Amino acid sequence: MYVYAKTKSVLLIALALVIVLQAAAQQQKEYVEKTFRSNSLLTLQTVENVPAKSWQLIVQHRFGRADVKKDFLYEFLGMDKTSNIRLGVAIPVTERGYIGAGRTKNNKAVDIEAKYILVKQTSDFRQPVSMALYANAAYNTVRFPENNNGYFEQDSVTAFRYANVHRLSYGYQLLVASKIAPWLSLQLSPTCVYKNLVPPGRDNYSLALNLGGKITVSLMTSVLFEYAVIANKAASQVNPFALGYEIKTASHGFQIFFGSANAILNQELYTTESNADLLDKNFFLAFNIHRSFYIKK
């Protein structure tokens, strides 16, 4: 009788343990993976992090303006014209965030950046979106002109004195994305940029709302798209647009696309007045390369 009672107690304890473990397993969240294939879309950041135990080399290149109505082939799709390029590196600091730095040709800008993933989408859609914060600070190293003829003063006469603080600009994005289907991911990105020095009559800040997405074509390829609406854009500005194709492997990511902007950093992308107008048959050809180097331990 004693043996029976002891055996019964052991079985009850084992059964209770199994029930507890099953409940814990059900409560464990299963996160959606690869909402996007890279930590950036075309011009836009994504909710993805740099791969763990790696560092990433990033090359972002924008060719000159291509005008279908004038010298389209002579300038070879804008490749013969003035281009813009950024070389950058990014290193993950946690499984949810990374820091990076880069140097851009336009304005000879040096920048630092950081991203942190706040929330991850779950496969059961109880958490329907992933959210991340992205911040960038850039320092313009181009030489100040010796004489600006009062350009930055309201009266256009008063002598303006440049200071190093005028070289700084900042960009912030809230990234909200969802993998709606295995073949479709969408992202909405409220954006704010601030420049310490702007021409008279312009706001120091710019606000924009960017919609981006990925349509999966095959295991390693996708179609990417972006469109942004700038809330306080100048009359001569064009809302940024981009459409491209991505090829991704375990350690390489290559994106080729055409769009309306030659700028790379958000601080220029949402403030420049030199964007191309696709409706006027001109655009910029561009590409991005992400190369991950894995660290062996």
Protein backbone atom coordinates (compact mmCIF):
# COMPACT_ATOMS: atom_id res chain seq x y z
CA MET A 1 0.00 0.00 0.00
CA TYR A 2 2.87 2.33 0.82
CA VAL A 3 4.55 1.65 -2.53
CA TYR A 4 1.27 2.31 -4.36
CA ALA A 5 0.74 5.62 -2.59
CA LYS A 6 4.31 6.70 -3.28
CA THR A 7 4.03 5.74 -6.95
CA LYS A 8 0.75 7.65 -7.21
CA SER A 9 2.35 10.75 -5.71
CA VAL A 10 5.26 10.60 -8.15
CA LEU A 11 2.87 10.24 -11.11
CA LEU A 12 0.78 13.19 -9.93
CA ILE A 13 3.89 15.34 -9.55
CA ALA A 14 5.10 14.32 -13.01
CA LEU A 15 1.69 15.08 -14.52
CA ALA A 16 1.62 18.50 -12.85
CA LEU A 17 5.13 19.21 -14.13
CA VAL A 18 4.11 18.28 -17.69
CA ILE A 19 1.09 20.59 -17.48
CA VAL A 20 3.23 23.46 -16.21
CA LEU A 21 5.83 22.95 -18.95
CA GLN A 22 3.13 22.83 -21.64
CA ALA A 23 1.58 26.04 -20.33
CA ALA A 24 4.98 27.72 -20.31
CA ALA A 25 5.64 26.55 -23.86
CA GLN A 26 2.31 27.96 -24.99
CA GLN A 27 3.11 31.28 -23.36
CA GLN A 28 6.55 31.49 -24.95
CA LYS A 29 6.41 34.00 -27.78
CA GLU A 30 7.43 32.98 -31.26
CA TYR A 31 8.74 36.03 -33.10
CA VAL A 32 8.41 36.68 -36.81
CA GLU A 33 11.74 36.45 -38.63
CA LYS A 34 13.03 38.34 -41.66
CA THR A 35 10.34 40.97 -41.97
CA PHE A 36 12.94 42.48 -44.30
CA ARG A 37 16.13 40.93 -45.63
CA SER A 38 18.43 43.83 -44.68
CA ASN A 39 18.67 46.46 -41.96
CA SER A 40 17.85 49.11 -44.58
CA LEU A 41 15.34 49.19 -47.42
CA LEU A 42 16.39 51.52 -50.28
CA THR A 43 16.76 54.92 -48.63
CA LEU A 44 14.80 53.94 -45.53
CA GLN A 45 15.88 52.03 -42.42
CA THR A 46 14.01 48.83 -41.46
CA VAL A 47 13.16 47.10 -38.18
CA GLU A 48 15.95 44.57 -38.77
CA ASN A 49 19.23 44.49 -36.85
CA VAL A 50 22.75 43.78 -38.08
CA PRO A 51 23.34 39.98 -37.86
CA ALA A 52 24.70 38.80 -34.51
CA LYS A 53 28.43 38.11 -34.14
CA SER A 54 29.27 40.15 -37.23
CA TRP A 55 30.13 43.61 -38.43
CA GLN A 56 28.75 45.10 -41.62
CA LEU A 57 30.27 47.15 -44.41
CA ILE A 58 27.71 49.36 -46.17
CA VAL A 59 28.14 51.03 -49.56
CA GLN A 60 25.38 53.38 -50.73
CA HIS A 61 25.85 54.90 -54.19
CA ARG A 62 23.72 57.37 -56.13
CA PHE A 63 24.56 58.23 -59.74
CA GLY A 64 23.80 61.59 -61.36
CA ARG A 65 20.43 62.66 -62.69
CA ALA A 66 19.22 60.72 -65.72
CA ASP A 67 16.96 62.71 -68.05
CA VAL A 68 15.01 60.62 -70.55
CA LYS A 69 14.32 63.72 -72.67
CA LYS A 70 17.93 64.94 -72.87
CA ASP A 71 21.27 63.12 -73.24
CA PHE A 72 19.86 59.95 -71.69
CA LEU A 73 22.26 57.57 -73.44
CA TYR A 74 25.02 60.14 -73.91
CA GLU A 75 25.28 60.54 -70.12
CA PHE A 76 24.68 56.76 -69.79
CA LEU A 77 21.71 56.85 -67.42
CA GLY A 78 23.35 59.56 -65.33
CA MET A 79 26.50 57.53 -64.62
CA ASP A 80 28.70 60.20 -66.23
CA LYS A 81 27.29 62.94 -64.02
CA THR A 82 28.13 63.95 -60.46
CA SER A 83 27.40 61.12 -58.05
CA ASN A 84 27.02 60.71 -54.31
CA ILE A 85 28.34 57.86 -52.14
CA ARG A 86 28.40 56.84 -48.50
CA LEU A 87 30.75 54.29 -46.93
CA GLY A 88 29.68 53.02 -43.54
CA VAL A 89 30.16 50.32 -40.93
CA ALA A 90 27.66 48.94 -38.43
CA ILE A 91 28.20 46.74 -35.38
CA PRO A 92 25.48 45.04 -33.28
CA VAL A 93 25.71 45.86 -29.57
CA THR A 94 22.75 43.71 -28.49
CA GLU A 95 20.38 41.33 -30.24
CA ARG A 96 18.03 44.30 -30.59
CA GLY A 97 20.30 47.14 -31.63
CA TYR A 98 23.42 48.37 -33.37
CA ILE A 99 25.63 51.42 -33.72
CA GLY A 100 27.35 52.63 -36.88
CA ALA A 101 29.31 55.39 -38.54
CA GLY A 102 29.83 56.60 -42.09
CA ARG A 103 31.15 59.24 -44.42
CA THR A 104 29.14 60.76 -47.29
CA LYS A 105 30.51 62.59 -50.33
CA ASN A 106 27.87 65.33 -50.38
CA ASN A 107 28.83 68.01 -47.85
CA LYS A 108 31.73 65.75 -46.84
CA ALA A 109 29.49 64.65 -43.98
CA VAL A 110 30.62 62.33 -41.20
CA ASP A 111 27.77 60.66 -39.32
CA ILE A 112 27.03 58.30 -36.46
CA GLU A 113 23.85 56.24 -36.17
CA ALA A 114 22.06 53.92 -33.78
CA LYS A 115 18.99 51.70 -33.90
CA TYR A 116 17.09 49.84 -31.19
CA ILE A 117 14.23 47.39 -31.72
CA LEU A 118 11.50 48.16 -29.17
CA VAL A 119 8.95 45.48 -30.03
CA LYS A 120 9.01 42.35 -32.17
CA GLN A 121 6.04 41.00 -34.11
CA THR A 122 4.78 37.58 -32.98
CA SER A 123 3.73 34.82 -35.35
CA ASP A 124 0.28 34.56 -33.74
CA PHE A 125 -0.31 38.30 -34.49
CA ARG A 126 -1.04 39.05 -30.83
CA GLN A 127 1.74 41.56 -31.36
CA PRO A 128 0.96 42.55 -34.98
CA VAL A 129 3.92 44.88 -35.60
CA SER A 130 7.61 45.31 -34.93
CA MET A 131 8.80 48.73 -33.80
CA ALA A 132 12.24 50.31 -33.72
CA LEU A 133 13.83 53.70 -33.13
CA TYR A 134 16.58 55.05 -35.39
CA ALA A 135 18.72 58.14 -34.85
CA ASN A 136 21.49 59.75 -36.89
CA ALA A 137 23.72 62.75 -36.25
CA ALA A 138 25.86 64.22 -39.05
CA TYR A 139 28.70 66.73 -39.07
CA ASN A 140 29.31 68.67 -42.28
CA THR A 141 33.08 69.06 -42.84
CA VAL A 142 32.98 71.07 -46.07
CA ARG A 143 34.83 74.40 -45.83
CA PHE A 144 32.67 77.39 -45.06
CA PRO A 145 32.74 80.07 -47.79
CA GLU A 146 34.77 83.16 -46.97
CA ASN A 147 31.98 85.45 -48.11
CA ASN A 148 28.31 84.46 -48.17
CA ASN A 149 27.00 87.94 -49.05
CA GLY A 150 24.54 87.87 -46.17
CA TYR A 151 22.74 84.83 -47.59
CA PHE A 152 21.77 83.45 -44.17
CA GLU A 153 20.51 86.77 -42.80
CA GLN A 154 16.96 87.97 -43.26
CA ASP A 155 18.08 91.34 -44.63
CA SER A 156 20.60 89.68 -47.01
CA VAL A 157 23.10 92.38 -46.02
CA THR A 158 24.23 91.68 -42.46
CA ALA A 159 27.47 89.71 -42.35
CA PHE A 160 26.89 86.15 -41.17
CA ARG A 161 29.37 84.41 -38.91
CA TYR A 162 29.68 80.67 -39.31
CA ALA A 163 30.20 78.47 -36.25
CA ASN A 164 30.92 74.77 -35.91
CA VAL A 165 27.46 74.23 -34.46
CA HIS A 166 26.06 75.12 -37.89
CA ARG A 167 27.64 71.95 -39.28
CA LEU A 168 25.40 69.65 -37.25
CA SER A 169 22.16 68.01 -38.36
CA TYR A 170 20.01 65.25 -36.90
CA GLY A 171 17.56 62.64 -38.12
CA TYR A 172 15.06 60.51 -36.18
CA GLN A 173 12.70 57.76 -37.33
CA LEU A 174 10.09 55.59 -35.66
CA LEU A 175 9.91 52.37 -37.68
CA VAL A 176 6.64 50.40 -37.53
CA ALA A 177 6.54 47.27 -39.69
CA SER A 178 4.47 44.14 -40.16
CA LYS A 179 5.04 40.94 -42.09
CA ILE A 180 1.48 40.69 -43.34
CA ALA A 181 2.09 37.55 -45.40
CA PRO A 182 5.12 35.37 -46.21
CA TRP A 183 5.52 37.36 -49.42
CA LEU A 184 4.58 40.86 -48.21
CA SER A 185 6.01 43.21 -45.57
CA LEU A 186 5.02 46.85 -45.07
CA GLN A 187 6.57 49.60 -42.96
CA LEU A 188 5.36 53.04 -41.92
CA SER A 189 8.03 55.46 -40.73
CA PRO A 190 7.31 58.89 -39.22
CA THR A 191 10.48 60.94 -39.69
CA CYS A 192 11.84 64.16 -38.22
CA VAL A 193 15.07 65.85 -39.29
CA TYR A 194 16.65 68.99 -37.88
CA LYS A 195 19.40 71.13 -39.42
CA ASN A 196 21.14 73.82 -37.40
CA LEU A 197 21.67 76.00 -40.48
CA VAL A 198 19.05 76.55 -43.17
CA PRO A 199 18.38 79.32 -45.72
CA PRO A 200 16.12 82.22 -44.68
CA GLY A 201 12.44 81.36 -44.83
CA ARG A 202 12.97 77.63 -44.34
CA ASP A 203 12.17 75.61 -41.24
CA ASN A 204 15.07 74.11 -39.33
CA TYR A 205 13.04 70.92 -39.01
CA SER A 206 11.30 68.78 -41.62
CA LEU A 207 8.57 66.22 -40.97
CA ALA A 208 7.83 63.30 -43.27
CA LEU A 209 5.84 60.07 -43.37
CA ASN A 210 7.43 57.24 -45.33
CA LEU A 211 5.72 54.06 -46.55
CA GLY A 212 7.99 51.23 -47.63
CA GLY A 213 7.54 47.60 -48.49
CA LYS A 214 8.98 44.31 -49.67
CA ILE A 215 7.38 41.85 -52.09
CA THR A 216 9.17 38.49 -52.02
CA VAL A 217 9.84 37.08 -55.48
CA SER A 218 11.97 34.05 -54.61
CA LEU A 219 14.08 32.64 -51.78
CA MET A 220 16.80 35.26 -52.31
CA THR A 221 15.13 38.08 -54.27
CA SER A 222 12.55 40.77 -53.55
CA VAL A 223 10.99 43.88 -55.05
CA LEU A 224 11.34 46.93 -52.77
CA PHE A 225 9.48 50.25 -52.84
CA GLU A 226 9.29 53.51 -50.88
CA TYR A 227 7.30 56.72 -50.99
CA ALA A 228 7.48 59.63 -48.54
CA VAL A 229 5.24 62.64 -48.01
CA ILE A 230 7.04 65.70 -46.61
CA ALA A 231 4.67 67.74 -44.45
CA ASN A 232 6.43 71.10 -44.71
CA LYS A 233 8.25 70.77 -48.03
CA ALA A 234 9.17 73.75 -50.16
CA ALA A 235 7.24 74.40 -53.36
CA SER A 236 10.20 73.24 -55.44
CA GLN A 237 10.67 69.99 -53.51
CA VAL A 238 9.57 66.57 -54.76
CA ASN A 239 8.37 63.85 -52.39
CA PRO A 240 11.01 61.06 -52.38
CA PHE A 241 10.16 57.85 -54.23
CA ALA A 242 12.19 54.71 -54.96
CA LEU A 243 11.59 51.33 -56.61
CA GLY A 244 14.17 48.57 -56.69
CA TYR A 245 15.20 44.93 -56.72
CA GLU A 246 17.10 43.10 -53.98
CA ILE A 247 19.32 40.01 -54.08
CA LYS A 248 20.26 38.60 -50.66
CA THR A 249 22.55 35.77 -49.54
CA ALA A 250 23.78 34.80 -46.07
CA SER A 251 26.49 37.48 -46.01
CA HIS A 252 25.73 39.74 -49.01
CA GLY A 253 22.87 42.07 -49.81
CA PHE A 254 22.65 43.94 -53.13
CA GLN A 255 19.91 46.43 -53.97
CA ILE A 256 19.65 48.25 -57.30
CA PHE A 257 16.95 50.85 -57.77
CA PHE A 258 15.87 54.12 -59.33
CA GLY A 259 14.38 56.99 -57.41
CA SER A 260 13.83 60.71 -57.13
CA ALA A 261 16.73 61.59 -54.81
CA ASN A 262 20.50 61.83 -54.99
CA ALA A 263 20.75 62.38 -51.22
CA ILE A 264 21.57 59.53 -48.84
CA LEU A 265 21.32 60.84 -45.27
CA ASN A 266 17.81 61.61 -44.02
CA GLN A 267 18.91 65.14 -43.17
CA GLU A 268 19.40 65.80 -46.90
CA LEU A 269 16.84 63.39 -48.35
CA TYR A 270 13.90 65.25 -46.84
CA THR A 271 15.25 68.80 -47.24
CA THR A 272 16.99 68.98 -50.62
CA GLU A 273 15.33 70.82 -53.50
CA SER A 274 17.31 69.01 -56.20
CA ASN A 275 15.17 65.86 -56.27
CA ALA A 276 14.24 64.46 -59.66
CA ASP A 277 10.63 64.47 -60.83
CA LEU A 278 9.64 61.08 -62.24
CA LEU A 279 6.61 62.66 -63.90
CA ASP A 280 9.04 64.86 -65.83
CA LYS A 281 10.96 61.74 -66.96
CA ASN A 282 14.11 62.19 -64.90
CA PHE A 283 15.44 60.05 -62.06
CA PHE A 284 18.53 58.83 -60.21
CA LEU A 285 19.94 55.32 -60.63
CA ALA A 286 21.38 53.89 -57.40
CA PHE A 287 22.55 50.81 -55.55
CA ASN A 288 23.28 49.65 -51.99
CA ILE A 289 25.63 46.88 -50.87
CA HIS A 290 25.53 45.27 -47.41
CA ARG A 291 28.42 42.91 -46.67
CA SER A 292 28.43 41.09 -43.33
CA PHE A 293 31.71 39.78 -41.93
CA TYR A 294 31.13 37.13 -39.27
CA ILE A 295 33.39 37.01 -36.24
CA LYS A 296 34.67 33.57 -35.27
CA LYS A 297 35.14 32.81 -31.59
